[in-house]
Amino acid sequence: MADSIMSKAATMEIPINSNGDTGTLPEDDSLEQDLQQVMVSGPNLNETSIVSGGYGGPAGGIIPTSSIKDIRMKSRGAGLSKSQSAASQLAQHTDQHPGSSNNNTGNSTEEVSRGVAVEKLDSVKKWGINTYKCTKQMFSERFGRGSRTVDLELEAQIDVLRETKNKYENILRLATALISHFQSMVQTQQALGDSFTELSQKSPELQDEFGYNAETQKLLCRNGEALLSAINFFVSSIDTLVNKTMEDTLMTIKLYENTRLEFDAYRSDLEELSLSPRDAAAMVRIEMAQHDYQIHRDKYERLRSDVTIKLKFLEENKVKVMHKQLLLFHNAISAYFAGNQEQLEQTLIQFNVKLKPPGSDKPSWLEEQ
């Protein structure tokens, strides 16, 4: 029955109209019933076979579909295994190259930061040990329990320098005060001369007398300005000597004294370790203390030499500068109060002192506003 139905279906023609649409099949109730029966009682599609040859060929060309499914599953599994292996190889390659470079970069950065932290920690540790030893040495010297290294000749020169600096600072203060007072007197003389000049024009009967006094005050004012220029030059040179040259030497002396304190601290530490029992650990500590002692001794001797040289050059410079400035001050003061205008001007030329124009110390109109 199924063969007859299939033959009917195979030989059945489907009419197509001119528009390409399929035509309606003639109603055949018997054919529809036969098809339903075939669908119900037909073979299982999962167990069907594929014929490799033509219709009605030999049975040897029949391939079961179950074997095709097995082949497909195997090929699919092999493809999945290959893709999985390729993915694992790619992941392994990625881990070996880019990841490894990132890890190396991260490790190098971490090592650098760790090295910086270790250096800072070591520097803080050394600073703490050095501060403790210096503080201990300072209190020991203050309370008379410890010894200190003393260079008697150098210490005497340092004391003389500090005393000289104090005296020169006093001269500087007095000379500055003299400039302030003398400048006020010159300004007063100038104002008095202007008043005499005005009165000489308004008082015909006293014109000559006011005129003489006006000329005298103006001459004193000019000489006073010349003397002010000389004193200002004197003060400027003393200020440079005291606040720059001497101060620089005193800064070197301060470094020398701090180095001397460190040297004595490490020397005392070495002496204490030398008196302790000599075992293996003590010998290691003594060797380290000897190394630190030698470093601070070299530093101390180097700064002591620097201080000695600076003191020598400072003394030579001080004598040269003060010889010139004291001669200038004496000649200018003597010429002014002797009324020798020519000698005063020659003194300014001799020491290359520039005469300030009248009113140069006064603030400008913009500064007053």
Protein backbone atom coordinates (compact mmCIF):
# COMPACT_ATOMS: atom_id res chain seq x y z
CA MET A 1 0.00 0.00 0.00
CA ALA A 2 2.82 2.38 0.85
CA ASP A 3 4.53 1.56 -2.45
CA SER A 4 1.38 2.32 -4.37
CA ILE A 5 0.96 5.62 -2.54
CA MET A 6 4.60 6.63 -3.12
CA SER A 7 4.25 5.74 -6.81
CA LYS A 8 1.20 7.91 -6.99
CA ALA A 9 2.98 10.77 -5.25
CA ALA A 10 5.99 10.37 -7.54
CA THR A 11 3.95 10.40 -10.69
CA MET A 12 1.70 13.20 -9.55
CA GLU A 13 2.00 16.43 -11.46
CA ILE A 14 1.57 19.83 -9.84
CA PRO A 15 0.10 22.31 -12.27
CA ILE A 16 1.65 25.83 -12.34
CA ASN A 17 -0.23 28.76 -13.82
CA SER A 18 1.23 31.55 -15.88
CA ASN A 19 2.05 33.63 -12.77
CA GLY A 20 4.25 30.90 -11.28
CA ASP A 21 1.70 29.96 -8.57
CA THR A 22 0.88 26.39 -7.96
CA GLY A 23 -2.54 25.33 -8.88
CA THR A 24 -4.94 23.57 -6.57
CA LEU A 25 -4.82 19.83 -6.52
CA PRO A 26 -7.99 17.95 -7.15
CA GLU A 27 -9.54 16.82 -3.99
CA ASP A 28 -8.80 13.18 -3.41
CA ASP A 29 -9.93 11.92 -0.01
CA SER A 30 -8.43 8.49 -0.55
CA LEU A 31 -4.97 9.95 -1.27
CA GLU A 32 -5.08 12.12 1.86
CA GLN A 33 -6.00 9.11 3.98
CA ASP A 34 -3.19 7.04 2.49
CA LEU A 35 -0.67 9.80 3.25
CA GLN A 36 -1.81 10.01 6.86
CA GLN A 37 -1.41 6.27 7.20
CA VAL A 38 2.11 6.44 5.79
CA MET A 39 3.07 9.20 8.26
CA VAL A 40 1.77 7.14 11.16
CA SER A 41 3.09 3.70 10.20
CA GLY A 42 6.15 4.86 8.19
CA PRO A 43 9.78 4.09 9.09
CA ASN A 44 11.72 6.00 11.81
CA LEU A 45 13.66 8.87 10.27
CA ASN A 46 16.51 8.33 12.72
CA GLU A 47 17.03 4.83 11.26
CA THR A 48 16.73 5.67 7.60
CA SER A 49 19.50 5.02 5.09
CA ILE A 50 21.02 7.08 2.33
CA VAL A 51 21.43 5.39 -1.01
CA SER A 52 24.65 6.21 -2.69
CA GLY A 53 23.53 4.99 -6.07
CA GLY A 54 20.40 5.55 -8.16
CA TYR A 55 16.92 4.48 -7.31
CA GLY A 56 16.67 0.71 -6.97
CA GLY A 57 20.51 0.26 -6.85
CA PRO A 58 22.31 -2.51 -5.01
CA ALA A 59 22.22 -2.70 -1.25
CA GLY A 60 25.96 -2.32 -0.93
CA GLY A 61 25.68 1.39 -1.55
CA ILE A 62 23.41 1.98 1.42
CA ILE A 63 25.00 4.01 4.30
CA PRO A 64 23.12 4.08 7.61
CA THR A 65 22.38 7.60 8.85
CA SER A 66 23.40 6.63 12.37
CA SER A 67 26.96 6.13 11.17
CA ILE A 68 26.82 9.56 9.48
CA LYS A 69 25.76 11.07 12.81
CA ASP A 70 28.68 9.34 14.53
CA ILE A 71 31.08 10.67 11.91
CA ARG A 72 29.66 14.17 12.30
CA MET A 73 29.92 14.01 16.09
CA LYS A 74 33.50 12.77 15.88
CA SER A 75 34.46 15.47 13.41
CA ARG A 76 32.72 18.08 15.57
CA GLY A 77 34.51 16.82 18.66
CA ALA A 78 37.83 16.83 16.83
CA GLY A 79 37.15 20.41 15.69
CA LEU A 80 36.27 21.45 19.23
CA SER A 81 39.39 19.78 20.61
CA LYS A 82 41.51 21.50 17.98
CA SER A 83 39.93 24.88 18.70
CA GLN A 84 40.36 24.32 22.44
CA SER A 85 44.01 23.37 21.98
CA ALA A 86 44.56 26.43 19.75
CA ALA A 87 42.89 28.67 22.32
CA SER A 88 45.01 27.20 25.11
CA GLN A 89 48.16 27.69 23.01
CA LEU A 90 47.15 31.29 22.28
CA ALA A 91 46.48 31.92 25.95
CA GLN A 92 49.81 30.34 26.83
CA HIS A 93 51.57 32.48 24.21
CA THR A 94 49.84 35.59 25.54
CA ASP A 95 50.87 34.69 29.07
CA GLN A 96 54.44 34.12 28.00
CA HIS A 97 54.99 37.34 25.99
CA PRO A 98 52.79 40.38 26.75
CA GLY A 99 51.93 39.28 30.24
CA SER A 100 55.53 38.49 31.03
CA SER A 101 56.63 41.94 29.82
CA ASN A 102 53.98 43.58 31.99
CA ASN A 103 55.07 41.45 34.92
CA ASN A 104 58.71 42.37 34.28
CA THR A 105 57.82 46.06 34.13
CA GLY A 106 55.80 45.79 37.32
CA ASN A 107 58.60 43.91 39.06
CA SER A 108 61.23 46.45 37.98
CA THR A 109 59.07 49.36 39.19
CA GLU A 110 58.48 47.59 42.47
CA GLU A 111 62.20 46.93 42.87
CA VAL A 112 63.05 50.59 42.17
CA SER A 113 60.50 51.85 44.70
CA ARG A 114 61.72 49.30 47.20
CA GLY A 115 65.31 50.41 46.66
CA VAL A 116 64.37 54.07 47.19
CA ALA A 117 62.51 53.19 50.38
CA VAL A 118 65.51 51.22 51.66
CA GLU A 119 67.87 54.13 50.90
CA LYS A 120 65.60 56.57 52.72
CA LEU A 121 65.35 54.23 55.67
CA ASP A 122 69.13 53.85 55.81
CA SER A 123 69.65 57.61 55.62
CA VAL A 124 67.15 58.20 58.43
CA LYS A 125 68.83 55.49 60.48
CA LYS A 126 72.29 57.00 59.97
CA TRP A 127 70.98 60.48 60.78
CA GLY A 128 69.38 59.23 63.98
CA ILE A 129 72.56 57.46 65.12
CA ASN A 130 74.71 60.49 64.27
CA THR A 131 72.35 62.88 66.08
CA TYR A 132 72.28 60.69 69.17
CA LYS A 133 76.06 60.46 69.33
CA CYS A 134 76.57 64.20 68.78
CA THR A 135 73.97 65.10 71.41
CA LYS A 136 75.60 62.73 73.87
CA GLN A 137 79.01 64.24 73.16
CA MET A 138 77.68 67.80 73.50
CA PHE A 139 76.15 67.13 76.93
CA SER A 140 79.28 65.28 78.02
CA GLU A 141 81.42 68.30 77.14
CA ARG A 142 79.00 70.72 78.78
CA PHE A 143 78.95 68.84 82.06
CA GLY A 144 82.67 68.14 82.01
CA ARG A 145 82.42 64.38 81.52
CA GLY A 146 83.85 64.12 78.01
CA SER A 147 86.96 65.37 76.26
CA ARG A 148 87.05 67.58 73.20
CA THR A 149 89.63 68.19 70.48
CA VAL A 150 91.08 71.70 70.76
CA ASP A 151 93.35 73.60 68.37
CA LEU A 152 94.49 76.45 70.60
CA GLU A 153 95.92 78.63 67.83
CA LEU A 154 92.89 78.23 65.60
CA GLU A 155 90.46 78.79 68.47
CA ALA A 156 92.25 82.03 69.36
CA GLN A 157 91.98 83.26 65.77
CA ILE A 158 88.27 82.43 65.71
CA ASP A 159 87.68 84.37 68.95
CA VAL A 160 89.57 87.36 67.53
CA LEU A 161 87.46 87.26 64.39
CA ARG A 162 84.19 87.23 66.33
CA GLU A 163 85.35 90.11 68.50
CA THR A 164 86.51 92.05 65.44
CA LYS A 165 83.18 91.48 63.73
CA ASN A 166 81.29 92.86 66.73
CA LYS A 167 83.46 95.98 66.78
CA TYR A 168 83.12 96.54 63.06
CA GLU A 169 79.35 96.18 63.36
CA ASN A 170 79.43 98.93 65.99
CA ILE A 171 81.43 101.17 63.62
CA LEU A 172 78.89 100.42 60.90
CA ARG A 173 75.99 101.46 63.14
CA LEU A 174 77.70 104.70 64.17
CA ALA A 175 78.67 105.60 60.61
CA THR A 176 75.10 104.97 59.46
CA ALA A 177 73.81 107.23 62.22
CA LEU A 178 76.33 109.90 61.20
CA ILE A 179 75.02 109.76 57.62
CA SER A 180 71.45 110.17 58.82
CA HIS A 181 72.24 113.17 61.06
CA PHE A 182 74.57 114.84 58.57
CA GLN A 183 72.08 114.40 55.76
CA SER A 184 69.46 116.16 57.87
CA MET A 185 71.93 119.02 58.45
CA VAL A 186 72.67 119.33 54.73
CA GLN A 187 68.98 119.45 53.92
CA THR A 188 68.53 122.12 56.58
CA GLN A 189 71.41 124.17 55.13
CA GLN A 190 69.91 123.92 51.67
CA ALA A 191 66.51 125.09 52.93
CA LEU A 192 68.20 127.93 54.86
CA GLY A 193 70.11 129.03 51.76
CA ASP A 194 66.88 129.09 49.73
CA SER A 195 65.25 131.25 52.39
CA PHE A 196 68.17 133.69 52.39
CA THR A 197 68.02 133.96 48.61
CA GLU A 198 64.29 134.72 48.68
CA LEU A 199 64.70 137.35 51.39
CA SER A 200 67.55 139.03 49.54
CA GLN A 201 65.20 139.61 46.63
CA LYS A 202 62.41 140.97 48.80
CA SER A 203 64.58 143.13 51.11
CA PRO A 204 66.61 145.64 49.08
CA GLU A 205 68.17 147.19 52.19
CA LEU A 206 69.55 143.74 53.31
CA GLN A 207 70.14 142.27 49.91
CA ASP A 208 73.91 142.00 50.26
CA GLU A 209 73.81 140.45 53.74
CA PHE A 210 71.18 137.86 52.77
CA GLY A 211 73.13 137.18 49.60
CA TYR A 212 76.38 136.45 51.47
CA ASN A 213 74.68 134.03 53.81
CA ALA A 214 72.82 132.35 50.97
CA GLU A 215 76.06 131.72 49.09
CA THR A 216 77.74 130.41 52.25
CA GLN A 217 74.92 127.94 52.98
CA LYS A 218 74.90 126.73 49.38
CA LEU A 219 78.67 126.17 49.50
CA LEU A 220 78.33 124.25 52.76
CA CYS A 221 75.53 122.23 51.19
CA ARG A 222 77.70 121.26 48.21
CA ASN A 223 80.60 120.31 50.47
CA GLY A 224 78.20 118.38 52.71
CA GLU A 225 76.94 116.37 49.75
CA ALA A 226 80.52 115.55 48.80
CA LEU A 227 81.23 114.42 52.36
CA LEU A 228 78.03 112.34 52.36
CA SER A 229 79.20 110.57 49.21
CA ALA A 230 82.51 109.72 50.87
CA ILE A 231 80.84 108.47 54.08
CA ASN A 232 78.35 106.40 52.07
CA PHE A 233 81.23 104.78 50.21
CA PHE A 234 82.92 104.07 53.54
CA VAL A 235 79.77 102.49 55.00
CA SER A 236 79.15 100.38 51.89
CA SER A 237 82.68 98.95 52.00
CA ILE A 238 82.45 98.19 55.73
CA ASP A 239 79.06 96.53 55.22
CA THR A 240 80.50 94.26 52.50
CA LEU A 241 83.44 93.34 54.70
CA VAL A 242 81.32 92.57 57.76
CA ASN A 243 78.13 91.03 56.37
CA LYS A 244 79.61 89.12 53.43
CA THR A 245 83.32 88.37 53.82
CA MET A 246 83.38 87.86 57.58
CA GLU A 247 80.00 86.14 57.56
CA ASP A 248 81.17 83.65 54.94
CA THR A 249 84.21 82.79 57.06
CA LEU A 250 82.03 82.40 60.15
CA MET A 251 79.74 79.99 58.25
CA THR A 252 82.78 77.85 57.44
CA ILE A 253 83.78 78.04 61.11
CA LYS A 254 80.32 76.85 62.12
CA LEU A 255 80.64 73.84 59.80
CA TYR A 256 84.09 73.20 61.28
CA GLU A 257 82.72 73.24 64.84
CA ASN A 258 79.90 70.83 63.94
CA THR A 259 82.43 68.52 62.27
CA ARG A 260 84.65 68.73 65.33
CA LEU A 261 81.72 67.67 67.51
CA GLU A 262 80.97 64.69 65.24
CA PHE A 263 84.64 63.72 65.20
CA ASP A 264 84.83 63.76 69.00
CA ALA A 265 81.58 61.78 69.25
CA TYR A 266 82.90 58.97 67.04
CA ARG A 267 86.29 59.15 68.76
CA SER A 268 84.65 58.68 72.16
CA ASP A 269 82.60 55.81 70.77
CA LEU A 270 85.74 54.10 69.48
CA GLU A 271 87.48 54.58 72.82
CA GLU A 272 84.55 53.00 74.69
CA LEU A 273 84.50 50.02 72.34
CA SER A 274 88.25 49.59 72.67
CA LEU A 275 87.87 49.20 76.46
CA SER A 276 85.13 46.54 76.12
CA PRO A 277 85.86 42.75 76.06
CA ARG A 278 87.30 41.55 72.75
CA ASP A 279 85.01 38.90 71.26
CA ALA A 280 84.05 38.30 67.62
CA ALA A 281 81.05 40.65 67.70
CA ALA A 282 83.06 43.32 69.53
CA MET A 283 85.82 43.15 66.96
CA VAL A 284 83.31 43.71 64.17
CA ARG A 285 81.89 46.74 66.01
CA ILE A 286 85.39 48.09 66.64
CA GLU A 287 86.27 47.74 62.98
CA MET A 288 83.10 49.61 61.94
CA ALA A 289 83.76 52.30 64.57
CA GLN A 290 87.35 52.64 63.31
CA HIS A 291 86.03 53.16 59.77
CA ASP A 292 83.55 55.84 60.88
CA TYR A 293 86.22 57.49 63.00
CA GLN A 294 88.59 57.73 60.04
CA ILE A 295 85.89 59.26 57.82
CA HIS A 296 85.03 61.97 60.36
CA ARG A 297 88.69 62.61 61.09
CA ASP A 298 89.42 63.29 57.43
CA LYS A 299 86.41 65.59 57.24
CA TYR A 300 87.50 67.43 60.39
CA GLU A 301 91.05 67.96 59.14
CA ARG A 302 89.79 69.15 55.76
CA LEU A 303 87.48 71.77 57.30
CA ARG A 304 90.17 72.86 59.74
CA SER A 305 92.45 73.51 56.80
CA ASP A 306 89.68 75.46 55.05
CA VAL A 307 89.10 77.63 58.11
CA THR A 308 92.82 78.35 58.47
CA ILE A 309 93.09 79.44 54.84
CA LYS A 310 89.96 81.61 55.01
CA LEU A 311 91.13 83.32 58.17
CA LYS A 312 94.43 84.14 56.52
CA PHE A 313 92.82 85.62 53.41
CA LEU A 314 90.25 87.45 55.50
CA GLU A 315 92.96 89.16 57.53
CA GLU A 316 94.79 90.26 54.38
CA ASN A 317 91.57 91.53 52.78
CA LYS A 318 90.53 93.34 55.95
CA VAL A 319 93.84 95.20 56.21
CA LYS A 320 93.72 96.23 52.55
CA VAL A 321 90.10 97.40 52.65
CA MET A 322 90.31 99.21 55.99
CA HIS A 323 93.55 100.98 55.03
CA LYS A 324 91.84 102.51 52.01
CA GLN A 325 88.53 103.29 53.74
CA LEU A 326 90.06 104.84 56.85
CA LEU A 327 92.27 107.09 54.72
CA LEU A 328 89.25 108.17 52.70
CA PHE A 329 87.23 108.89 55.83
CA HIS A 330 90.01 110.93 57.44
CA ASN A 331 90.80 113.04 54.36
CA ALA A 332 87.14 113.75 53.59
CA ILE A 333 86.28 114.78 57.16
CA SER A 334 89.41 116.94 57.48
CA ALA A 335 88.84 118.72 54.18
CA TYR A 336 85.19 119.40 54.92
CA PHE A 337 85.63 120.91 58.35
CA ALA A 338 88.69 122.87 57.17
CA GLY A 339 86.56 124.38 54.45
CA ASN A 340 88.97 123.14 51.80
CA GLN A 341 86.64 122.42 48.93
CA GLU A 342 89.45 121.67 46.51
CA GLN A 343 91.01 119.09 48.84
CA LEU A 344 87.62 117.45 49.34
CA GLU A 345 87.07 117.12 45.64
CA GLN A 346 90.58 115.71 45.16
CA THR A 347 89.87 113.12 47.84
CA LEU A 348 86.74 111.96 46.03
CA ILE A 349 88.66 111.69 42.76
CA GLN A 350 91.53 109.82 44.44
CA PHE A 351 89.26 107.10 45.82
CA ASN A 352 86.93 106.96 42.79
CA VAL A 353 83.92 108.17 44.74
CA LYS A 354 81.06 109.43 42.61
CA LEU A 355 79.37 112.58 43.85
CA LYS A 356 75.62 112.14 44.19
CA PRO A 357 73.57 114.93 42.63
CA PRO A 358 71.50 117.12 44.99
CA GLY A 359 68.17 115.57 45.86
CA SER A 360 69.10 112.08 44.60
CA ASP A 361 68.15 110.56 47.93
CA LYS A 362 64.70 112.11 47.85
CA PRO A 363 61.83 109.92 46.65
CA SER A 364 60.42 110.68 43.22
CA TRP A 365 57.00 112.09 42.60
CA LEU A 366 55.62 108.63 41.74
CA GLU A 367 57.07 107.11 44.92
CA GLU A 368 55.49 109.84 47.03
CA GLN A 369 52.12 109.16 45.40
